[in-house]
Structure formats: structure tokens, C-alpha cells
């Protein structure tokens, strides 16, 4: 028995990192890990900068709204571009633009001339870039690892994101408290060099443009119609939208919890965000160790319910250590739901629609968040941050109950779509035929 256990654990560990056998994904993973540390540093520093300049929870919500509403409005266009252009080159362009915007924010902050409207404008421009960057990166994953390692690559991509989420806020909290926000913005700008280097070192097949008889508007319409007509995809995306709208804005209100409720300042803010990231990292690694899609729908329902329950508990805590510990299951639940949803959708979507469908995923995951952030900021001005977060947790639980009731109805259709996608070569017409004949 001891020998079996000893041999099983290394194989299980190796299986959790199997997508890293692909050279392009290795380069992508390493570059993004460094870059995302800088991104999280900027997120925390930017929130603290706005809070320091204004002291307003409403403006905290408003700056988040400005940074993410372009994703909601422009992601469909981004998805159509991603399906028509070389995804590798699109990512190089978007990452370069992100580096330029971070450099501008660093310069004006370090020179001491930064104004609130500067932050809002730069946040909106970054949101515009992300409307193209997010669908491109999501759709590019399958090109780096193939379908056999897709679930593992998505999970590792999420673990990378949340490793940075642990490290970045912790560093940002220290830097903001000691030398100011500007150096966090500067570090983020420099970190983009790593991801650009990785992208340029990749060996990707020569891209040949697909001949298209339809316009970009018709392509966008086709993507939306496919989502609306595919019940499993629609239900998954609707639940993501609900949680993003009412649950995710807890992070926007975190400076208020750190300062006014837990009395821990900028350093405490970084620690709180780090604990949330630790939980998300645990969730992502649990998903990476999973070797099949079986049971992922149940994981999605359970994770969204757990997310809501722990949000409510967090809203009632007034002790820093308790709040920090509660953020671990909050981060874990959030990541399991989002990464599992991403995996299920990418397993069902045809290749030629992948950019457009992932743009809808971006709309629901990132695009609904700004509406929720604005709503949370306004509600917290009236009834306080704790009650606002508790209400969001309750709505997340209701959403999970609804999704659970729908699970039996569309589970068979989801399985048929996954099988059809595997054997029909990603042809939507053949997928529909296969589903009808089954």
C-alpha cells in the first residue's frame, strides 16, 4: 500500500502540470506570471490611490466601472476580430498597448501631477485594450496545448493568475505604505517585458486567413445566436453574469473594509487581497489535478453557493484575522466556478466560433463586474459596505440554486456537444446534426 501511495502521488503531481510539456505554453505561462504580478500591484495601488485622493466608495466603484465597461460593450467586436485575425499577433499588440498605458500612469503619479480624471481615462483605455486581449488570450490557449490538455491549461492559467494575485497585492501593500503608488505602476509597466519576450520567442504555425463571405456584424450575431440556442452554454454564462454582477464587487469595496472596518490600512488591504488569491490558487490547483470533465457542472453549482455563504460570513466579521481566513474559501469558490465554467464552454464550442463565444464569456465575467461595482459603490454609500456584500452573497446563493435545478435538464445536451465537438472537427452544423440524431 505504501508503495502504491508513493508512486501515485508523483504521477498525480505530474498530471497537474501536464500542459507545461508544450513549449509555447511554457513561455506563455512564465511571461504571464511575471506580468500578472505587476497587474495586481497596479490594481491594488490604483484602488488605494483613488481612495486616498477622494475617500469615496462611490468613486472606487466608478473607476472599476470605467476600467471594465469597455469589455462589456466592445468584447463582441473583439471576439469577431480574434476569429478573423492571427491571435498570437493580436495578443502582442494588446500587451504592448497595456505596457504603454501603465508607463503613462507611472510617470504622472511619480511626477506628482496625477488627478482623479487621469486615472479614470487611463482605466477606460485599458478596458478598451482588454476587450480584445481577453478573448484573444482565452482562444489562444487551445492553439498552444491542443484539446487533450485544454482543461489542465485553463486550470494552470487560472493558478498563474492567482499566484500573481497572492504576490502582487502583498508587494503593493508594502510599496504603497512606504514609497507610494507610482512605483507599483512602474513595476507593472516593466513586467510587460517578460510576457512580450515570451510571445516573441514562440514558434507558431504560419497563419492563413480564412475566407469569409459574412460581415463582421453577421459574425457577431452568429456568436450570440449560438449562445442563446445552446442551453448549457447559456445557463453557464448566465450564472457567471449573476455572480459577477452581485458577488464579485466585494473586491471593489475592499479598501473600505481594510480602512474603516478592520483598521489595517494599505498593508492590510494587500494582505486581504493576498488571502483571497491564496484561496483562488488552491481552487485552481484542485481543478488542474482533475483529469476529466465529469462532475464539473456540479462543481460550478456548489462553488457559487459556497462563494455566497462565505461572502455573508465575511460581511459580518470585524476581526482582521477572521476576515482574512474567510477570504480563502471565497477566493477558492470563485475560482472553481469561473475556471470550471471556462473549461466546460471551451470543451463545447467549435473552433471557428471560439473567439466570439469567449468574448461573451468575457462580457459576463468581466463586463458585468463594472455594473456591479457601480451598484455596490452606490449601495455602500447608503447602507454600508458590509450589508452590500451580504446582499451580493445572498443573490449568489439564489443563482446557484437556480443553476442546480437546470443541471439535469441540460447535462445530456452538454455531453452530446462535447462528444460532437471532439469527433465533428468543430463544425457547428455537424454538431447540431449529431445532437439531434443522438
Protein backbone atom coordinates (compact mmCIF):
# COMPACT_ATOMS: atom_id res chain seq x y z
CA UNK A 1 0.00 0.00 0.00
CA UNK A 2 2.85 2.40 0.86
CA UNK A 3 4.49 1.74 -2.49
CA UNK A 4 1.23 2.39 -4.32
CA UNK A 5 0.69 5.67 -2.48
CA UNK A 6 4.26 6.79 -3.05
CA UNK A 7 4.08 6.13 -6.78
CA UNK A 8 0.60 7.57 -7.10
CA UNK A 9 1.39 10.99 -5.65
CA UNK A 10 4.24 11.92 -8.06
CA UNK A 11 2.15 10.81 -11.04
CA UNK A 12 -0.78 12.85 -9.76
CA UNK A 13 1.52 15.85 -9.27
CA UNK A 14 2.99 15.48 -12.76
CA UNK A 15 -0.51 15.18 -14.23
CA UNK A 16 -1.47 18.51 -12.66
CA UNK A 17 1.25 20.22 -14.74
CA UNK A 18 0.93 18.18 -17.95
CA UNK A 19 0.13 21.15 -20.21
CA UNK A 20 3.58 22.62 -19.43
CA UNK A 21 5.12 19.99 -21.71
CA UNK A 22 4.18 22.32 -24.59
CA UNK A 23 6.99 24.84 -25.21
CA UNK A 24 4.69 27.68 -26.27
CA UNK A 25 2.61 27.29 -23.13
CA UNK A 26 5.77 27.26 -21.02
CA UNK A 27 6.77 30.64 -22.48
CA UNK A 28 3.24 31.98 -22.11
CA UNK A 29 2.98 30.75 -18.51
CA UNK A 30 6.33 32.22 -17.39
CA UNK A 31 5.79 35.59 -19.06
CA UNK A 32 2.21 35.98 -17.85
CA UNK A 33 3.14 35.02 -14.27
CA UNK A 34 5.62 37.91 -14.07
CA UNK A 35 3.32 40.33 -15.87
CA UNK A 36 0.27 39.49 -13.77
CA UNK A 37 2.17 40.19 -10.55
CA UNK A 38 2.61 43.71 -11.89
CA UNK A 39 -1.04 43.88 -12.92
CA UNK A 40 -2.25 43.00 -9.43
CA UNK A 41 0.18 45.50 -7.94
CA UNK A 42 -1.34 48.17 -10.15
CA UNK A 43 -4.92 47.13 -9.29
CA UNK A 44 -4.33 47.47 -5.55
CA UNK A 45 -2.30 50.68 -5.87
CA UNK A 46 -4.88 52.25 -8.19
CA UNK A 47 -7.73 51.48 -5.78
CA UNK A 48 -5.76 52.92 -2.87
CA UNK A 49 -4.79 56.00 -4.91
CA UNK A 50 -8.44 56.78 -5.70
CA UNK A 51 -9.45 56.16 -2.10
CA UNK A 52 -6.60 58.37 -0.82
CA UNK A 53 -7.45 61.20 -3.21
CA UNK A 54 -11.23 61.11 -2.71
CA UNK A 55 -12.20 58.96 0.30
CA UNK A 56 -15.28 57.95 -1.70
CA UNK A 57 -16.60 54.40 -2.05
CA UNK A 58 -18.76 55.59 -4.94
CA UNK A 59 -15.65 56.68 -6.90
CA UNK A 60 -13.98 53.34 -6.09
CA UNK A 61 -16.90 51.69 -7.84
CA UNK A 62 -16.82 54.27 -10.62
CA UNK A 63 -13.14 53.72 -11.54
CA UNK A 64 -13.73 49.97 -11.65
CA UNK A 65 -16.75 50.67 -13.85
CA UNK A 66 -14.62 52.74 -16.25
CA UNK A 67 -11.96 50.02 -16.49
CA UNK A 68 -14.37 47.20 -17.23
CA UNK A 69 -17.43 48.63 -19.02
CA UNK A 70 -15.50 48.74 -22.34
CA UNK A 71 -15.13 44.96 -22.00
CA UNK A 72 -18.91 44.62 -21.77
CA UNK A 73 -19.52 46.95 -24.72
CA UNK A 74 -16.65 46.00 -27.03
CA UNK A 75 -15.94 42.31 -26.35
CA UNK A 76 -18.25 41.16 -29.19
CA UNK A 77 -16.17 43.24 -31.61
CA UNK A 78 -13.01 41.88 -30.01
CA UNK A 79 -14.26 38.32 -30.42
CA UNK A 80 -15.02 38.87 -34.12
CA UNK A 81 -11.52 40.34 -34.63
CA UNK A 82 -9.94 37.38 -32.81
CA UNK A 83 -11.75 34.90 -35.10
CA UNK A 84 -10.62 36.83 -38.20
CA UNK A 85 -7.00 37.65 -37.27
CA UNK A 86 -3.84 35.94 -36.07
CA UNK A 87 -4.50 35.52 -32.34
CA UNK A 88 -0.80 35.47 -31.50
CA UNK A 89 -0.25 38.87 -33.12
CA UNK A 90 -3.38 40.32 -31.55
CA UNK A 91 -2.01 39.46 -28.09
CA UNK A 92 1.36 41.05 -28.88
CA UNK A 93 -0.38 44.29 -29.87
CA UNK A 94 -2.69 44.37 -26.83
CA UNK A 95 0.11 43.62 -24.36
CA UNK A 96 2.24 46.38 -25.88
CA UNK A 97 -0.59 48.88 -25.54
CA UNK A 98 -1.14 47.81 -21.92
CA UNK A 99 2.55 48.46 -21.19
CA UNK A 100 2.31 51.96 -22.68
CA UNK A 101 -0.76 52.82 -20.56
CA UNK A 102 0.93 51.56 -17.37
CA UNK A 103 4.00 53.65 -18.18
CA UNK A 104 1.91 56.81 -18.56
CA UNK A 105 0.16 56.20 -15.22
CA UNK A 106 3.51 55.58 -13.52
CA UNK A 107 5.03 58.76 -14.96
CA UNK A 108 2.24 61.14 -13.94
CA UNK A 109 2.00 59.60 -10.46
CA UNK A 110 5.73 59.71 -9.78
CA UNK A 111 5.87 63.32 -11.04
CA UNK A 112 3.11 64.21 -8.58
CA UNK A 113 0.71 65.58 -11.21
CA UNK A 114 -1.83 62.76 -11.20
CA UNK A 115 -5.51 63.76 -10.99
CA UNK A 116 -8.58 61.61 -10.46
CA UNK A 117 -9.69 62.12 -14.06
CA UNK A 118 -6.30 60.88 -15.30
CA UNK A 119 -6.90 57.56 -13.54
CA UNK A 120 -10.41 57.31 -14.97
CA UNK A 121 -9.28 57.96 -18.56
CA UNK A 122 -6.36 55.51 -18.38
CA UNK A 123 -8.61 52.88 -16.75
CA UNK A 124 -11.13 53.25 -19.59
CA UNK A 125 -8.38 52.95 -22.23
CA UNK A 126 -7.06 49.79 -20.57
CA UNK A 127 -10.60 48.39 -20.61
CA UNK A 128 -10.73 49.08 -24.35
CA UNK A 129 -7.50 47.11 -24.84
CA UNK A 130 -8.73 44.25 -22.64
CA UNK A 131 -11.89 43.90 -24.75
CA UNK A 132 -9.58 42.50 -27.45
CA UNK A 133 -6.89 40.98 -25.23
CA UNK A 134 -9.07 38.71 -23.06
CA UNK A 135 -10.88 36.86 -25.89
CA UNK A 136 -7.58 36.54 -27.77
CA UNK A 137 -5.74 35.01 -24.79
CA UNK A 138 -8.61 32.66 -23.95
CA UNK A 139 -8.94 31.47 -27.56
CA UNK A 140 -5.15 31.13 -27.97
CA UNK A 141 -4.85 28.56 -25.16
CA UNK A 142 -6.16 25.70 -27.29
CA UNK A 143 -3.67 26.60 -30.04
CA UNK A 144 -0.79 26.23 -27.57
CA UNK A 145 -1.76 22.90 -25.96
CA UNK A 146 -4.40 21.19 -28.12
CA UNK A 147 -7.71 19.78 -26.93
CA UNK A 148 -6.24 16.93 -24.88
CA UNK A 149 -4.61 19.30 -22.38
CA UNK A 150 -7.14 22.14 -22.61
CA UNK A 151 -8.74 21.69 -19.17
CA UNK A 152 -5.35 21.45 -17.48
CA UNK A 153 -4.05 24.52 -19.34
CA UNK A 154 -7.09 26.58 -18.32
CA UNK A 155 -6.64 25.49 -14.70
CA UNK A 156 -2.92 26.29 -14.74
CA UNK A 157 -3.66 29.61 -16.40
CA UNK A 158 -6.02 30.32 -13.50
CA UNK A 159 -3.41 29.18 -10.98
CA UNK A 160 -0.89 31.53 -12.60
CA UNK A 161 -3.39 34.38 -12.38
CA UNK A 162 -3.99 33.70 -8.70
CA UNK A 163 -0.35 33.10 -7.80
CA UNK A 164 0.16 36.64 -9.02
CA UNK A 165 -2.91 37.65 -7.04
CA UNK A 166 -1.21 36.41 -3.87
CA UNK A 167 2.18 38.00 -4.57
CA UNK A 168 1.15 41.25 -6.28
CA UNK A 169 -1.17 42.72 -3.61
CA UNK A 170 1.24 41.80 -0.82
CA UNK A 171 4.09 43.65 -2.57
CA UNK A 172 1.77 46.53 -3.47
CA UNK A 173 0.63 46.92 0.12
CA UNK A 174 4.24 47.28 1.29
CA UNK A 175 5.26 49.63 -1.55
CA UNK A 176 2.19 51.85 -1.23
CA UNK A 177 2.71 52.18 2.51
CA UNK A 178 6.42 53.01 2.16
CA UNK A 179 7.17 54.74 -1.16
CA UNK A 180 3.80 55.35 -2.80
CA UNK A 181 1.58 54.10 -5.59
CA UNK A 182 3.71 55.33 -8.50
CA UNK A 183 6.37 52.65 -8.12
CA UNK A 184 3.70 49.93 -8.30
CA UNK A 185 2.58 51.36 -11.64
CA UNK A 186 6.21 51.49 -12.81
CA UNK A 187 6.79 47.85 -11.80
CA UNK A 188 3.71 46.84 -13.77
CA UNK A 189 4.96 48.63 -16.89
CA UNK A 190 8.34 46.87 -16.66
CA UNK A 191 6.69 43.46 -16.08
CA UNK A 192 5.17 43.51 -19.58
CA UNK A 193 8.68 43.00 -21.00
CA UNK A 194 8.54 39.38 -19.75
CA UNK A 195 5.27 38.50 -21.46
CA UNK A 196 6.28 40.22 -24.71
CA UNK A 197 9.59 38.34 -24.71
CA UNK A 198 7.76 35.04 -24.24
CA UNK A 199 5.32 35.78 -27.05
CA UNK A 200 8.10 36.74 -29.46
CA UNK A 201 10.05 33.56 -28.65
CA UNK A 202 7.11 31.29 -29.50
CA UNK A 203 7.16 29.12 -32.59
CA UNK A 204 3.64 29.27 -34.00
CA UNK A 205 2.41 27.80 -37.31
CA UNK A 206 2.09 30.22 -40.18
CA UNK A 207 -1.35 31.75 -40.01
CA UNK A 208 -3.52 31.67 -43.10
CA UNK A 209 -6.61 33.90 -43.13
CA UNK A 210 -9.94 32.10 -43.52
CA UNK A 211 -12.07 33.14 -46.44
CA UNK A 212 -15.29 34.71 -45.16
CA UNK A 213 -18.45 35.60 -47.01
CA UNK A 214 -20.08 37.24 -43.99
CA UNK A 215 -19.56 40.69 -42.49
CA UNK A 216 -18.21 41.35 -39.00
CA UNK A 217 -21.76 42.25 -37.84
CA UNK A 218 -23.08 38.92 -39.09
CA UNK A 219 -20.21 37.14 -37.33
CA UNK A 220 -21.07 38.82 -34.04
CA UNK A 221 -24.76 37.96 -34.49
CA UNK A 222 -23.85 34.33 -35.22
CA UNK A 223 -21.91 34.08 -31.95
CA UNK A 224 -24.76 35.49 -29.87
CA UNK A 225 -27.33 33.24 -31.56
CA UNK A 226 -25.18 30.16 -30.86
CA UNK A 227 -25.06 31.08 -27.18
CA UNK A 228 -28.81 31.71 -26.96
CA UNK A 229 -29.68 28.47 -28.73
CA UNK A 230 -27.29 26.29 -26.72
CA UNK A 231 -28.87 25.74 -23.30
CA UNK A 232 -25.80 24.55 -21.37
CA UNK A 233 -23.70 27.48 -22.59
CA UNK A 234 -26.49 29.96 -21.88
CA UNK A 235 -27.03 28.68 -18.33
CA UNK A 236 -23.31 28.68 -17.52
CA UNK A 237 -22.86 32.23 -18.81
CA UNK A 238 -25.96 33.49 -17.03
CA UNK A 239 -24.70 32.18 -13.68
CA UNK A 240 -21.29 33.80 -14.30
CA UNK A 241 -23.08 37.07 -15.05
CA UNK A 242 -25.15 36.90 -11.85
CA UNK A 243 -22.14 36.22 -9.63
CA UNK A 244 -20.04 38.88 -11.40
CA UNK A 245 -22.80 41.46 -11.02
CA UNK A 246 -23.70 40.93 -7.36
CA UNK A 247 -20.85 38.94 -5.78
CA UNK A 248 -17.55 39.98 -7.35
CA UNK A 249 -17.81 43.69 -6.39
CA UNK A 250 -16.77 42.74 -2.86
CA UNK A 251 -13.20 43.27 -4.10
CA UNK A 252 -14.02 46.86 -5.11
CA UNK A 253 -15.12 47.61 -1.55
CA UNK A 254 -12.04 46.00 -0.01
CA UNK A 255 -10.27 49.34 0.70
CA UNK A 256 -13.26 50.31 2.88
CA UNK A 257 -13.09 47.03 4.80
CA UNK A 258 -9.32 47.42 5.23
CA UNK A 259 -9.51 51.04 6.41
CA UNK A 260 -12.83 51.68 8.15
CA UNK A 261 -13.94 48.23 9.35
CA UNK A 262 -10.76 46.26 10.03
CA UNK A 263 -8.50 49.32 10.60
CA UNK A 264 -5.48 47.80 8.83
CA UNK A 265 -4.61 50.41 6.16
CA UNK A 266 -2.86 49.83 2.84
CA UNK A 267 -0.72 46.99 4.18
CA UNK A 268 -3.86 45.23 5.41
CA UNK A 269 -5.50 45.73 2.03
CA UNK A 270 -2.62 43.95 0.33
CA UNK A 271 -2.82 41.08 2.83
CA UNK A 272 -6.58 40.69 2.40
CA UNK A 273 -6.26 40.55 -1.38
CA UNK A 274 -3.41 38.08 -0.97
CA UNK A 275 -5.50 35.73 1.19
CA UNK A 276 -8.27 35.82 -1.41
CA UNK A 277 -5.68 35.00 -4.07
CA UNK A 278 -4.36 32.10 -1.96
CA UNK A 279 -7.82 30.57 -1.88
CA UNK A 280 -8.21 31.04 -5.62
CA UNK A 281 -4.83 29.39 -6.18
CA UNK A 282 -5.92 26.37 -4.13
CA UNK A 283 -9.10 26.12 -6.20
CA UNK A 284 -7.20 26.37 -9.48
CA UNK A 285 -4.73 23.65 -8.47
CA UNK A 286 -7.60 21.37 -7.42
CA UNK A 287 -9.05 21.80 -10.90
CA UNK A 288 -5.65 21.23 -12.53
CA UNK A 289 -5.39 17.85 -10.79
CA UNK A 290 -8.77 16.82 -12.20
CA UNK A 291 -8.33 14.57 -15.24
CA UNK A 292 -11.83 14.63 -16.78
CA UNK A 293 -14.85 16.87 -17.26
CA UNK A 294 -17.08 14.57 -15.24
CA UNK A 295 -18.89 16.37 -12.43
CA UNK A 296 -17.77 19.89 -13.42
CA UNK A 297 -21.38 21.11 -13.63
CA UNK A 298 -21.91 20.11 -10.01
CA UNK A 299 -18.65 21.85 -9.09
CA UNK A 300 -19.98 25.06 -10.67
CA UNK A 301 -23.24 24.94 -8.69
CA UNK A 302 -21.53 24.08 -5.38
CA UNK A 303 -18.82 26.71 -5.84
CA UNK A 304 -21.27 29.55 -6.48
CA UNK A 305 -23.29 28.58 -3.40
CA UNK A 306 -20.15 28.36 -1.25
CA UNK A 307 -18.99 31.74 -2.57
CA UNK A 308 -22.26 33.33 -1.42
CA UNK A 309 -22.21 31.72 2.03
CA UNK A 310 -18.66 32.83 2.84
CA UNK A 311 -19.30 36.33 1.49
CA UNK A 312 -22.11 36.71 4.02
CA UNK A 313 -19.85 35.48 6.84
CA UNK A 314 -17.10 37.88 5.72
CA UNK A 315 -19.50 40.82 5.78
CA UNK A 316 -20.22 40.20 9.49
CA UNK A 317 -16.58 39.81 10.58
CA UNK A 318 -14.89 42.68 12.43
CA UNK A 319 -11.66 40.83 13.27
CA UNK A 320 -8.84 41.08 10.72
CA UNK A 321 -7.61 37.50 11.10
CA UNK A 322 -11.10 36.05 10.78
CA UNK A 323 -11.80 38.19 7.70
CA UNK A 324 -8.51 37.16 6.11
CA UNK A 325 -9.20 33.46 6.69
CA UNK A 326 -12.73 33.76 5.29
CA UNK A 327 -11.29 35.21 2.09
CA UNK A 328 -9.54 31.88 1.39
CA UNK A 329 -12.77 29.90 0.71
CA UNK A 330 -14.22 32.97 -1.01
CA UNK A 331 -11.30 33.06 -3.46
CA UNK A 332 -11.32 29.28 -3.86
CA UNK A 333 -15.06 29.12 -4.61
CA UNK A 334 -14.88 32.00 -7.07
CA UNK A 335 -12.01 30.42 -8.98
CA UNK A 336 -13.55 26.94 -9.12
CA UNK A 337 -16.75 28.37 -10.57
CA UNK A 338 -15.06 30.62 -13.15
CA UNK A 339 -12.38 28.13 -14.28
CA UNK A 340 -14.84 25.21 -14.42
CA UNK A 341 -17.22 27.32 -16.48
CA UNK A 342 -14.40 28.33 -18.83
CA UNK A 343 -13.38 24.68 -19.26
CA UNK A 344 -16.90 23.46 -19.98
CA UNK A 345 -17.58 26.22 -22.50
CA UNK A 346 -14.29 25.71 -24.36
CA UNK A 347 -14.97 21.96 -24.50
CA UNK A 348 -18.33 22.57 -26.18
CA UNK A 349 -17.52 25.48 -28.50
CA UNK A 350 -16.43 24.99 -32.15
CA UNK A 351 -13.02 26.37 -33.09
CA UNK A 352 -14.27 28.85 -35.66
CA UNK A 353 -16.59 30.42 -33.06
CA UNK A 354 -14.16 30.25 -30.16
CA UNK A 355 -13.14 33.92 -30.14
CA UNK A 356 -16.73 35.13 -30.30
CA UNK A 357 -18.04 32.75 -27.63
CA UNK A 358 -15.14 33.58 -25.31
CA UNK A 359 -15.90 37.26 -25.88
CA UNK A 360 -19.40 36.62 -24.49
CA UNK A 361 -17.74 34.84 -21.54
CA UNK A 362 -15.57 37.94 -21.07
CA UNK A 363 -18.68 40.12 -21.15
CA UNK A 364 -20.36 38.09 -18.43
CA UNK A 365 -17.28 37.58 -16.25
CA UNK A 366 -15.51 40.95 -16.62
CA UNK A 367 -18.16 43.09 -18.28
CA UNK A 368 -20.90 42.61 -15.68
CA UNK A 369 -18.44 43.42 -12.89
CA UNK A 370 -18.34 47.18 -13.62
CA UNK A 371 -22.10 47.43 -13.44
CA UNK A 372 -21.91 45.57 -10.15
CA UNK A 373 -19.05 47.76 -8.94
CA UNK A 374 -21.02 50.93 -9.67
CA UNK A 375 -24.09 49.47 -7.99
CA UNK A 376 -22.06 48.29 -4.99
CA UNK A 377 -20.39 51.68 -4.65
CA UNK A 378 -23.76 53.45 -4.67
CA UNK A 379 -25.38 50.98 -2.26
CA UNK A 380 -22.46 51.10 0.17
CA UNK A 381 -22.85 54.90 0.36
CA UNK A 382 -26.44 54.36 1.52
CA UNK A 383 -26.41 51.17 3.60
CA UNK A 384 -22.72 50.44 4.22
CA UNK A 385 -20.20 48.07 2.70
CA UNK A 386 -20.96 45.04 4.95
CA UNK A 387 -24.67 44.93 4.12
CA UNK A 388 -23.92 45.45 0.42
CA UNK A 389 -21.54 42.47 0.40
CA UNK A 390 -24.01 40.32 2.35
CA UNK A 391 -26.75 41.08 -0.19
CA UNK A 392 -24.42 40.07 -3.01
CA UNK A 393 -23.68 36.79 -1.25
CA UNK A 394 -27.39 36.03 -0.86
CA UNK A 395 -28.02 36.67 -4.58
CA UNK A 396 -25.10 34.36 -5.49
CA UNK A 397 -26.71 31.58 -3.44
CA UNK A 398 -30.05 32.09 -5.21
CA UNK A 399 -28.26 31.95 -8.57
CA UNK A 400 -26.60 28.65 -7.65
CA UNK A 401 -29.96 27.15 -6.62
CA UNK A 402 -31.45 28.12 -9.98
CA UNK A 403 -28.48 26.65 -11.85
CA UNK A 404 -28.70 23.39 -9.87
CA UNK A 405 -32.35 22.97 -10.86
CA UNK A 406 -31.38 23.38 -14.54
CA UNK A 407 -28.44 21.00 -14.40
CA UNK A 408 -30.32 17.75 -15.01
CA UNK A 409 -32.16 19.24 -17.98
CA UNK A 410 -29.10 20.29 -19.98
CA UNK A 411 -26.49 17.77 -18.75
CA UNK A 412 -27.27 15.28 -21.57
CA UNK A 413 -27.12 18.04 -24.19
CA UNK A 414 -23.78 19.22 -22.80
CA UNK A 415 -22.32 15.73 -23.08
CA UNK A 416 -23.53 15.43 -26.67
CA UNK A 417 -21.97 18.77 -27.57
CA UNK A 418 -18.63 17.76 -26.07
CA UNK A 419 -18.64 14.47 -27.99
CA UNK A 420 -19.75 16.20 -31.19
CA UNK A 421 -17.01 18.80 -30.81
CA UNK A 422 -14.43 16.06 -30.38
CA UNK A 423 -15.48 13.98 -33.38
CA UNK A 424 -17.00 16.52 -35.76
CA UNK A 425 -13.85 18.63 -36.08
CA UNK A 426 -15.52 21.70 -34.63
CA UNK A 427 -18.17 22.06 -37.36
CA UNK A 428 -21.24 23.68 -35.74
CA UNK A 429 -23.59 22.34 -38.40
CA UNK A 430 -22.40 18.79 -37.81
CA UNK A 431 -22.61 19.34 -34.06
CA UNK A 432 -26.27 20.29 -34.31
CA UNK A 433 -26.95 17.26 -36.54
CA UNK A 434 -25.17 14.97 -34.09
CA UNK A 435 -27.16 16.36 -31.15
CA UNK A 436 -30.47 15.93 -32.97
CA UNK A 437 -29.67 12.38 -34.05
CA UNK A 438 -28.49 11.25 -30.63
